[in-house]
Amino acid sequence: MFRRDLFRRDVLQQSACGFGAFAAASLFADWSRGETIGQPTRPVTGLHHAAKAKRVIFLFMQGGVSQVDSFDPKPLLDSRDGEMINFDDPREVANTGTMGTKQRLMKSLWKFQQYGESGKWVSDLFPHMARHVDKMAFIHSMNTEGVAHGPATLFLHCGTQNFIRPSVGSWIHYGLGSENENLPGFVSIAPSIGNGGPRNYGNAFLPARHQGTPIGKSGNDELTIEHLTSNGFDRKKIDELQRLNQIQRKRWSTNETELDAVIESYELAWRMQTIAPDLLNFESESEETQKLYGLDQKQTAGYGRKCLLARRLCEAGVRFVQVNYGDNTANPAWDQHSNLPKHEEHARAVDLPIAGLLEDLSRRGLLDDTLVWWGTEFGRAPYAQKNGTGRDHNPGGFTTWLAGGGAKPGISYGETDEFGQMAIRNKVHMHDLHATMLHLLGIDHERLTFRHAGRDFRLTDVYGKVIKDILDA
């Protein structure tokens, strides 16, 4: 005799570890607005005011890129290289409360040059990105919370160090929905399992449809979506599963349940079967475009494919795409405590692909309404860690940049001290950066809220201000 309770248990078990699991990690059209699946999504005009950007590409450099070796030159480090002076080392302060420890100044290992009409300084680490400085708004006065990778990475992605909160991509999709009902609205390419792992693209207490969909894995250049296959899932089976899901759904009295996400996930997964494989196939791209992203070179091909996929996803209507550069080792990619020269290996892997992405977006007219965000969880200290050959973490002053999507091109904002240790002028906290990005997307960060556990939450908590000086008129 057919037992429906066992069948449903089997179905839900399969959805937790098979085809449906991928789909449940997806975001779904503009369903959060009450629109019916199958209806065209409405164009973005801004939730609270006119939007400059429609979508975001976040280029996350995991581990902490050194600002004084990349975009924030400090001549005093060269002239006083090797000198021992007192610093309030953030790690020592956090661990022991000790202030004013003696540290050896260490000059940059790379030469800086000025580029573009704006004359921005870029080191030899990034010669390809340097060609695009006139498109970028540099913020040299970033500061954040958290001395260790885990807390700082969570703060960058979720605006908090230790509580489970929605990620920035989930907040953006919650506010704006998707431009394509047949694709997820939020994708994280090759995310790491460490330092927060899925929380960095998770929805937390937002409805499940707003979490990110991972494509590929950190440390692996293969770009695949697990279980994206139609084997064993024909339309009749999908319809039967949906019928059973709807029966179960009616037994719930709440407005929003995880089962809602399961119901919608099957439909999205079904539609994606014919679309996603083409997005992951780069053979339709011209040879010139593939070279632009460095797909013809072993050193750049891995990250190049990720950047090219980001452009294709944005072109297809995905709202927020995160392109991760990192690995799943104990020491994340750019985390050079004792071997700073390894920065060059990582720079060579990402420099050409990122430059290619900016060039390609510009050619296609996508850069005008696509906000590209290059960032890292914190910077690095201007002195040699333990008198060695690397640099320790530095959350007090570091650099990020924005391009396109309403960010003012060819400018520098803020300043660190003479050694590059602390932000001293026009400080920009991570909450401020989040507020500014939301503003460019047409969202007032103080009004993008979600009521949970008896209070209204937002990405910027009770902080954050829009940095108006980096907005293009």
Protein backbone atom coordinates (compact mmCIF):
# COMPACT_ATOMS: atom_id res chain seq x y z
CA MET A 1 0.00 0.00 0.00
CA PHE A 2 1.28 3.47 -0.85
CA ARG A 3 2.33 5.38 2.31
CA ARG A 4 2.35 9.11 1.70
CA ASP A 5 4.23 9.90 4.94
CA LEU A 6 7.19 7.76 3.85
CA PHE A 7 7.11 9.11 0.33
CA ARG A 8 7.17 12.71 1.53
CA ARG A 9 9.98 11.90 3.95
CA ASP A 10 11.96 10.44 1.08
CA VAL A 11 11.23 13.43 -1.11
CA LEU A 12 12.32 15.93 1.53
CA GLN A 13 15.42 13.88 2.28
CA GLN A 14 16.34 13.95 -1.40
CA SER A 15 15.70 17.68 -1.54
CA ALA A 16 18.14 18.13 1.34
CA CYS A 17 21.05 16.40 -0.39
CA GLY A 18 20.18 16.27 -4.06
CA PHE A 19 18.75 18.31 -6.86
CA GLY A 20 16.39 20.25 -4.66
CA ALA A 21 19.16 21.31 -2.27
CA PHE A 22 20.76 23.45 -4.92
CA ALA A 23 17.47 24.95 -5.83
CA ALA A 24 16.55 25.68 -2.24
CA ALA A 25 19.67 27.81 -2.06
CA SER A 26 18.35 29.99 -4.84
CA LEU A 27 16.48 33.24 -4.83
CA PHE A 28 13.29 33.49 -6.71
CA ALA A 29 12.23 36.21 -9.14
CA ASP A 30 10.10 38.87 -7.44
CA TRP A 31 8.08 36.38 -5.45
CA SER A 32 8.80 38.36 -2.30
CA ARG A 33 6.68 41.15 -3.80
CA GLY A 34 3.73 38.82 -4.25
CA GLU A 35 4.19 38.63 -8.01
CA THR A 36 3.21 35.42 -9.72
CA ILE A 37 5.86 33.10 -11.13
CA GLY A 38 5.80 33.54 -14.88
CA GLN A 39 5.17 37.26 -14.89
CA PRO A 40 7.97 39.50 -16.19
CA THR A 41 9.85 41.28 -13.45
CA ARG A 42 9.54 45.05 -13.33
CA PRO A 43 12.52 47.30 -14.16
CA VAL A 44 14.50 48.70 -11.27
CA THR A 45 13.70 52.32 -10.50
CA GLY A 46 14.94 52.32 -6.91
CA LEU A 47 13.07 51.33 -3.80
CA HIS A 48 13.36 54.68 -2.03
CA HIS A 49 14.96 56.97 -4.62
CA ALA A 50 16.30 56.82 -8.16
CA ALA A 51 18.94 54.12 -8.48
CA LYS A 52 22.31 54.56 -10.16
CA ALA A 53 23.09 50.82 -10.09
CA LYS A 54 20.92 47.83 -10.87
CA ARG A 55 23.31 45.12 -9.75
CA VAL A 56 26.57 44.45 -7.91
CA ILE A 57 29.68 42.40 -8.64
CA PHE A 58 31.72 41.92 -5.48
CA LEU A 59 35.34 40.86 -6.03
CA PHE A 60 36.29 39.47 -2.63
CA MET A 61 40.00 39.10 -1.94
CA GLN A 62 40.05 36.70 0.99
CA GLY A 63 42.75 37.08 3.61
CA GLY A 64 43.71 40.73 3.75
CA VAL A 65 45.45 42.52 0.87
CA SER A 66 48.20 44.87 2.02
CA GLN A 67 47.18 48.45 1.30
CA VAL A 68 50.75 49.78 1.56
CA ASP A 69 51.85 47.28 -1.10
CA SER A 70 49.00 47.87 -3.55
CA PHE A 71 47.10 51.18 -3.66
CA ASP A 72 48.30 53.29 -0.71
CA PRO A 73 52.02 54.13 -1.08
CA LYS A 74 53.89 55.48 1.94
CA PRO A 75 57.25 57.07 1.08
CA LEU A 76 58.14 57.21 4.77
CA LEU A 77 58.23 53.41 4.85
CA ASP A 78 60.95 53.49 2.21
CA SER A 79 63.03 56.16 3.93
CA ARG A 80 62.71 54.62 7.41
CA ASP A 81 62.77 50.95 6.43
CA GLY A 82 64.12 48.78 9.28
CA GLU A 83 63.62 51.37 11.99
CA MET A 84 62.08 50.18 15.27
CA ILE A 85 59.19 52.33 16.52
CA ASN A 86 56.16 51.92 18.80
CA PHE A 87 52.83 50.78 17.34
CA ASP A 88 49.55 49.87 18.96
CA ASP A 89 49.44 46.44 17.36
CA PRO A 90 45.74 45.42 17.07
CA ARG A 91 46.49 41.75 17.70
CA GLU A 92 48.48 42.50 20.86
CA VAL A 93 45.82 44.90 22.06
CA ALA A 94 43.06 42.33 21.44
CA ASN A 95 44.93 39.42 23.03
CA THR A 96 46.84 41.03 25.88
CA GLY A 97 45.71 44.62 26.16
CA THR A 98 49.33 45.69 25.63
CA MET A 99 49.78 49.06 23.97
CA GLY A 100 52.83 50.51 22.23
CA THR A 101 54.88 47.47 21.21
CA LYS A 102 58.14 47.92 19.30
CA GLN A 103 57.89 46.96 15.62
CA ARG A 104 60.29 47.09 12.65
CA LEU A 105 59.09 49.21 9.75
CA MET A 106 59.08 47.31 6.45
CA LYS A 107 58.98 49.10 3.12
CA SER A 108 56.88 47.85 0.24
CA LEU A 109 58.44 45.12 -1.87
CA TRP A 110 56.91 46.64 -5.01
CA LYS A 111 57.40 49.94 -6.79
CA PHE A 112 54.53 52.38 -7.25
CA GLN A 113 53.68 54.39 -10.37
CA GLN A 114 51.04 56.93 -11.27
CA TYR A 115 48.42 55.94 -13.85
CA GLY A 116 45.64 57.54 -15.84
CA GLU A 117 44.51 61.11 -16.12
CA SER A 118 43.72 61.00 -12.42
CA GLY A 119 47.33 60.13 -11.58
CA LYS A 120 46.40 57.40 -9.12
CA TRP A 121 49.23 55.44 -7.52
CA VAL A 122 49.27 51.66 -8.07
CA SER A 123 52.06 49.23 -7.29
CA ASP A 124 53.63 46.74 -9.67
CA LEU A 125 51.34 44.11 -8.16
CA PHE A 126 48.45 45.29 -10.34
CA PRO A 127 49.68 46.65 -13.68
CA HIS A 128 46.51 45.61 -15.55
CA MET A 129 44.04 47.02 -13.05
CA ALA A 130 46.16 50.18 -13.05
CA ARG A 131 44.99 50.91 -16.60
CA HIS A 132 41.47 51.39 -15.27
CA VAL A 133 42.09 53.75 -12.35
CA ASP A 134 40.10 56.48 -14.08
CA LYS A 135 37.02 54.27 -13.64
CA MET A 136 37.61 53.73 -9.91
CA ALA A 137 36.68 55.48 -6.69
CA PHE A 138 39.40 54.55 -4.19
CA ILE A 139 38.57 54.62 -0.48
CA HIS A 140 41.85 54.67 1.45
CA SER A 141 40.37 55.16 4.90
CA MET A 142 38.43 51.94 5.44
CA ASN A 143 38.21 50.60 8.96
CA THR A 144 36.29 47.67 10.33
CA GLU A 145 35.59 45.39 13.28
CA GLY A 146 37.48 42.20 14.04
CA VAL A 147 41.20 41.44 14.15
CA ALA A 148 40.87 37.78 13.10
CA HIS A 149 39.67 36.56 9.71
CA GLY A 150 36.42 35.01 10.93
CA PRO A 151 34.94 38.06 12.67
CA ALA A 152 36.22 40.53 10.05
CA THR A 153 34.94 38.42 7.14
CA LEU A 154 31.52 38.10 8.75
CA PHE A 155 31.46 41.83 9.42
CA LEU A 156 32.27 42.58 5.77
CA HIS A 157 29.52 40.27 4.54
CA CYS A 158 26.87 40.63 7.23
CA GLY A 159 27.61 43.81 9.16
CA THR A 160 28.20 41.91 12.40
CA GLN A 161 30.98 39.84 13.96
CA ASN A 162 29.23 37.32 16.10
CA PHE A 163 25.47 37.24 15.48
CA ILE A 164 23.76 35.38 12.68
CA ARG A 165 22.59 38.10 10.31
CA PRO A 166 21.65 38.19 6.61
CA SER A 167 24.46 38.77 4.14
CA VAL A 168 24.66 41.93 2.07
CA GLY A 169 23.61 40.03 -1.07
CA SER A 170 20.53 38.69 0.71
CA TRP A 171 19.57 42.17 1.92
CA ILE A 172 19.92 43.55 -1.61
CA HIS A 173 17.80 40.80 -3.09
CA TYR A 174 15.23 41.22 -0.33
CA GLY A 175 15.00 44.90 -1.22
CA LEU A 176 15.06 44.71 -5.00
CA GLY A 177 14.19 41.17 -6.08
CA SER A 178 15.59 39.61 -9.24
CA GLU A 179 15.64 40.77 -12.85
CA ASN A 180 15.23 37.21 -14.17
CA GLU A 181 12.67 34.75 -12.85
CA ASN A 182 14.63 31.84 -14.35
CA LEU A 183 17.84 32.45 -12.40
CA PRO A 184 18.79 33.03 -8.78
CA GLY A 185 19.03 36.67 -7.79
CA PHE A 186 22.16 36.17 -5.68
CA VAL A 187 25.12 33.98 -6.61
CA SER A 188 28.42 33.37 -4.79
CA ILE A 189 31.12 31.98 -7.06
CA ALA A 190 33.63 29.64 -5.40
CA PRO A 191 32.89 30.56 -1.77
CA SER A 192 35.12 29.35 1.04
CA ILE A 193 33.86 26.99 3.73
CA GLY A 194 35.91 28.83 6.36
CA ASN A 195 35.58 32.13 8.24
CA GLY A 196 31.83 32.08 8.33
CA GLY A 197 31.33 29.79 5.34
CA PRO A 198 27.69 29.73 4.19
CA ARG A 199 26.82 32.55 6.58
CA ASN A 200 28.67 34.89 4.20
CA TYR A 201 26.00 34.25 1.56
CA GLY A 202 23.21 33.20 3.90
CA ASN A 203 19.77 34.67 4.50
CA ALA A 204 19.70 34.19 8.32
CA PHE A 205 16.18 35.28 9.37
CA LEU A 206 15.19 36.67 5.96
CA PRO A 207 12.92 34.37 3.94
CA ALA A 208 14.88 31.40 2.58
CA ARG A 209 14.47 32.50 -1.03
CA HIS A 210 16.94 35.33 -0.38
CA GLN A 211 20.00 33.21 0.35
CA GLY A 212 22.80 32.95 -2.19
CA THR A 213 23.38 30.11 -4.61
CA PRO A 214 26.97 28.82 -4.60
CA ILE A 215 28.60 27.94 -7.91
CA GLY A 216 31.86 26.03 -7.62
CA LYS A 217 34.05 25.74 -4.55
CA SER A 218 36.94 27.72 -3.13
CA GLY A 219 40.31 26.41 -4.24
CA ASN A 220 38.76 24.65 -7.25
CA ASP A 221 38.64 26.23 -10.70
CA GLU A 222 35.79 23.99 -11.88
CA LEU A 223 32.54 25.93 -12.11
CA THR A 224 29.60 23.62 -11.59
CA ILE A 225 26.21 23.75 -9.95
CA GLU A 226 25.73 20.58 -7.97
CA HIS A 227 22.78 18.38 -8.92
CA LEU A 228 21.75 20.62 -11.82
CA THR A 229 20.44 17.79 -13.95
CA SER A 230 17.06 16.70 -15.21
CA ASN A 231 17.81 12.98 -14.74
CA GLY A 232 14.87 11.45 -12.95
CA PHE A 233 12.99 14.77 -12.73
CA ASP A 234 10.56 15.00 -15.58
CA ARG A 235 7.68 17.44 -15.57
CA LYS A 236 5.18 14.89 -14.26
CA LYS A 237 7.33 14.17 -11.23
CA ILE A 238 7.81 17.85 -10.55
CA ASP A 239 4.06 18.42 -10.77
CA GLU A 240 3.38 15.55 -8.37
CA LEU A 241 5.94 16.82 -5.88
CA GLN A 242 4.44 20.26 -6.08
CA ARG A 243 0.95 18.92 -5.51
CA LEU A 244 2.12 17.15 -2.34
CA ASN A 245 4.07 20.21 -1.22
CA GLN A 246 1.01 22.40 -1.63
CA ILE A 247 -1.07 19.99 0.48
CA GLN A 248 1.53 20.20 3.21
CA ARG A 249 1.80 23.99 2.81
CA LYS A 250 -1.90 24.45 3.58
CA ARG A 251 -1.33 22.87 6.97
CA TRP A 252 0.98 25.74 7.96
CA SER A 253 -0.64 28.83 9.43
CA THR A 254 2.30 31.22 9.09
CA ASN A 255 2.82 33.50 6.11
CA GLU A 256 6.36 32.42 5.43
CA THR A 257 7.86 28.93 5.81
CA GLU A 258 10.87 26.98 4.63
CA LEU A 259 8.43 24.80 2.72
CA ASP A 260 7.57 27.83 0.61
CA ALA A 261 11.21 27.92 -0.44
CA VAL A 262 11.11 24.22 -1.31
CA ILE A 263 7.99 24.67 -3.41
CA GLU A 264 9.47 27.56 -5.35
CA SER A 265 12.90 25.91 -5.56
CA TYR A 266 11.59 23.02 -7.64
CA GLU A 267 10.08 25.42 -10.14
CA LEU A 268 13.21 27.54 -10.37
CA ALA A 269 15.40 24.46 -10.71
CA TRP A 270 13.19 23.16 -13.48
CA ARG A 271 13.45 26.41 -15.40
CA MET A 272 17.20 26.65 -14.84
CA GLN A 273 17.89 23.28 -16.46
CA THR A 274 17.81 24.83 -19.91
CA ILE A 275 19.45 28.16 -19.03
CA ALA A 276 22.27 27.54 -16.53
CA PRO A 277 24.30 25.10 -18.65
CA ASP A 278 24.62 27.73 -21.38
CA LEU A 279 25.76 30.34 -18.86
CA LEU A 280 28.52 27.99 -17.70
CA ASN A 281 29.64 27.28 -21.27
CA PHE A 282 32.12 29.89 -22.52
CA GLU A 283 32.54 28.47 -26.04
CA SER A 284 30.17 31.10 -27.41
CA GLU A 285 32.56 33.83 -26.24
CA SER A 286 34.98 35.15 -28.85
CA GLU A 287 38.64 34.27 -28.65
CA GLU A 288 39.40 37.93 -28.02
CA THR A 289 37.03 38.03 -25.04
CA GLN A 290 38.48 34.86 -23.58
CA LYS A 291 41.98 36.34 -23.84
CA LEU A 292 40.72 39.56 -22.27
CA TYR A 293 39.95 37.59 -19.11
CA GLY A 294 43.16 35.56 -19.29
CA LEU A 295 41.52 32.25 -20.13
CA ASP A 296 44.45 31.44 -22.43
CA GLN A 297 46.97 31.55 -19.56
CA LYS A 298 47.30 28.95 -16.83
CA GLN A 299 47.97 31.50 -14.10
CA THR A 300 44.86 33.59 -14.82
CA ALA A 301 42.42 31.08 -16.32
CA GLY A 302 40.85 30.03 -13.00
CA TYR A 303 39.86 33.46 -11.74
CA GLY A 304 39.30 34.61 -15.31
CA ARG A 305 36.50 32.08 -15.77
CA LYS A 306 34.91 33.26 -12.53
CA CYS A 307 34.99 36.91 -13.64
CA LEU A 308 33.63 36.04 -17.07
CA LEU A 309 30.82 34.06 -15.46
CA ALA A 310 30.05 37.08 -13.28
CA ARG A 311 29.59 39.24 -16.37
CA ARG A 312 27.36 36.61 -17.98
CA LEU A 313 25.25 36.27 -14.85
CA CYS A 314 24.81 40.03 -14.54
CA GLU A 315 23.95 40.27 -18.20
CA ALA A 316 21.29 37.60 -17.61
CA GLY A 317 19.74 39.54 -14.73
CA VAL A 318 21.34 38.23 -11.53
CA ARG A 319 21.21 41.02 -8.96
CA PHE A 320 24.28 40.31 -6.79
CA VAL A 321 27.29 38.23 -7.87
CA GLN A 322 30.20 37.60 -5.54
CA VAL A 323 33.46 36.43 -7.14
CA ASN A 324 35.66 34.96 -4.43
CA TYR A 325 39.41 34.61 -4.60
CA GLY A 326 40.61 32.35 -1.83
CA ASP A 327 41.04 28.79 -0.67
CA ASN A 328 39.98 26.45 2.11
CA THR A 329 43.33 26.29 3.88
CA ALA A 330 44.02 27.44 7.43
CA ASN A 331 45.62 30.64 6.09
CA PRO A 332 43.36 32.34 3.53
CA ALA A 333 44.92 33.39 0.20
CA TRP A 334 46.26 36.90 0.87
CA ASP A 335 47.17 36.15 4.49
CA GLN A 336 50.95 36.57 4.33
CA HIS A 337 52.23 36.70 7.91
CA SER A 338 55.70 35.39 7.06
CA ASN A 339 55.94 35.39 3.28
CA LEU A 340 54.81 38.73 1.87
CA PRO A 341 56.31 37.99 -1.60
CA LYS A 342 53.45 35.49 -2.07
CA HIS A 343 51.19 38.52 -2.58
CA GLU A 344 52.64 38.62 -6.09
CA GLU A 345 51.43 35.11 -6.91
CA HIS A 346 47.89 36.02 -5.94
CA ALA A 347 48.06 39.37 -7.72
CA ARG A 348 49.11 37.71 -10.97
CA ALA A 349 46.13 35.39 -10.74
CA VAL A 350 43.51 38.14 -10.35
CA ASP A 351 44.96 41.28 -11.94
CA LEU A 352 44.33 40.53 -15.62
CA PRO A 353 40.87 38.95 -15.11
CA ILE A 354 39.62 41.92 -13.06
CA ALA A 355 40.96 44.36 -15.65
CA GLY A 356 39.27 42.28 -18.34
CA LEU A 357 35.98 42.37 -16.44
CA LEU A 358 36.09 46.17 -16.18
CA GLU A 359 36.94 46.50 -19.85
CA ASP A 360 34.22 44.07 -20.93
CA LEU A 361 31.54 45.68 -18.78
CA SER A 362 32.50 49.08 -20.15
CA ARG A 363 32.39 47.90 -23.78
CA ARG A 364 28.95 46.40 -23.33
CA GLY A 365 27.51 49.44 -21.56
CA LEU A 366 27.01 47.42 -18.38
CA LEU A 367 29.42 49.36 -16.20
CA ASP A 368 27.07 52.34 -16.12
CA ASP A 369 24.54 50.46 -14.00
CA THR A 370 26.73 47.70 -12.52
CA LEU A 371 28.55 48.53 -9.29
CA VAL A 372 31.88 46.68 -9.10
CA TRP A 373 33.23 46.40 -5.56
CA TRP A 374 36.80 45.21 -4.91
CA GLY A 375 37.46 44.53 -1.26
CA THR A 376 39.12 42.53 1.47
CA GLU A 377 38.19 41.94 5.11
CA PHE A 378 41.02 44.13 6.42
CA GLY A 379 44.45 45.41 5.44
CA ARG A 380 47.92 44.64 6.73
CA ALA A 381 50.35 46.32 9.09
CA PRO A 382 53.16 48.57 7.80
CA TYR A 383 55.74 46.73 9.91
CA ALA A 384 57.29 43.28 9.79
CA GLN A 385 55.43 40.79 11.92
CA LYS A 386 57.75 39.40 14.63
CA ASN A 387 60.63 41.05 12.80
CA GLY A 388 60.13 38.60 9.92
CA THR A 389 59.14 38.81 6.24
CA GLY A 390 55.37 39.25 6.46
CA ARG A 391 52.70 41.59 7.77
CA ASP A 392 50.01 41.04 10.41
CA HIS A 393 46.30 41.94 10.18
CA ASN A 394 45.25 45.58 10.23
CA PRO A 395 41.56 46.53 10.57
CA GLY A 396 42.37 50.17 11.38
CA GLY A 397 43.14 51.48 7.89
CA PHE A 398 42.99 49.86 4.46
CA THR A 399 41.83 50.37 0.87
CA THR A 400 38.84 49.30 -1.17
CA TRP A 401 37.56 50.58 -4.51
CA LEU A 402 34.29 50.91 -6.37
CA ALA A 403 33.76 51.27 -10.11
CA GLY A 404 30.68 51.99 -12.21
CA GLY A 405 27.13 52.04 -10.92
CA GLY A 406 27.16 55.69 -9.84
CA ALA A 407 30.54 55.72 -8.06
CA LYS A 408 32.54 58.83 -8.94
CA PRO A 409 35.37 57.76 -11.28
CA GLY A 410 39.04 58.62 -10.89
CA ILE A 411 38.97 59.83 -7.28
CA SER A 412 40.63 59.02 -3.98
CA TYR A 413 38.77 59.47 -0.72
CA GLY A 414 40.16 59.36 2.78
CA GLU A 415 43.68 58.92 4.04
CA THR A 416 45.73 56.76 6.40
CA ASP A 417 48.57 58.03 8.58
CA GLU A 418 52.13 58.50 7.33
CA PHE A 419 52.88 54.81 7.73
CA GLY A 420 49.53 53.44 6.51
CA GLN A 421 48.46 51.99 9.85
CA MET A 422 45.32 53.93 10.80
CA ALA A 423 42.64 55.84 8.92
CA ILE A 424 42.96 59.50 9.95
CA ARG A 425 40.96 61.56 7.46
CA ASN A 426 37.42 60.98 6.16
CA LYS A 427 37.19 57.63 7.89
CA VAL A 428 34.86 55.10 6.26
CA HIS A 429 33.56 52.32 8.45
CA MET A 430 32.23 49.11 6.87
CA HIS A 431 28.72 50.21 7.89
CA ASP A 432 29.28 53.39 5.86
CA LEU A 433 30.37 51.42 2.82
CA HIS A 434 27.28 49.21 3.05
CA ALA A 435 25.04 52.27 3.41
CA THR A 436 26.66 53.87 0.36
CA MET A 437 26.27 50.78 -1.80
CA LEU A 438 22.61 50.46 -0.87
CA HIS A 439 22.14 54.14 -1.70
CA LEU A 440 23.56 53.60 -5.19
CA LEU A 441 21.03 50.79 -5.64
CA GLY A 442 18.19 53.14 -4.74
CA ILE A 443 17.81 51.91 -1.16
CA ASP A 444 17.77 53.96 2.02
CA HIS A 445 19.74 51.77 4.43
CA GLU A 446 17.73 53.06 7.40
CA ARG A 447 14.46 51.98 5.77
CA LEU A 448 15.50 48.55 4.50
CA THR A 449 14.38 46.63 7.59
CA PHE A 450 13.01 43.24 8.56
CA ARG A 451 11.16 42.55 11.81
CA HIS A 452 12.55 39.57 13.67
CA ALA A 453 12.37 38.54 17.33
CA GLY A 454 10.45 41.65 18.23
CA ARG A 455 12.68 44.29 16.65
CA ASP A 456 13.51 45.75 13.24
CA PHE A 457 16.87 44.70 11.85
CA ARG A 458 18.88 46.21 9.01
CA LEU A 459 22.24 45.57 7.34
CA THR A 460 23.85 48.60 8.98
CA ASP A 461 22.30 47.92 12.43
CA VAL A 462 21.96 51.40 14.00
CA TYR A 463 25.01 52.86 12.27
CA GLY A 464 26.22 53.92 8.85
CA LYS A 465 26.17 57.04 6.74
CA VAL A 466 26.23 57.50 2.98
CA ILE A 467 29.60 58.79 1.73
CA LYS A 468 28.24 61.41 -0.64
CA ASP A 469 31.65 62.59 -1.82
CA ILE A 470 32.23 59.36 -3.75
CA LEU A 471 28.88 59.51 -5.57
CA ASP A 472 28.90 60.59 -9.20
CA ALA A 473 26.66 63.58 -9.85
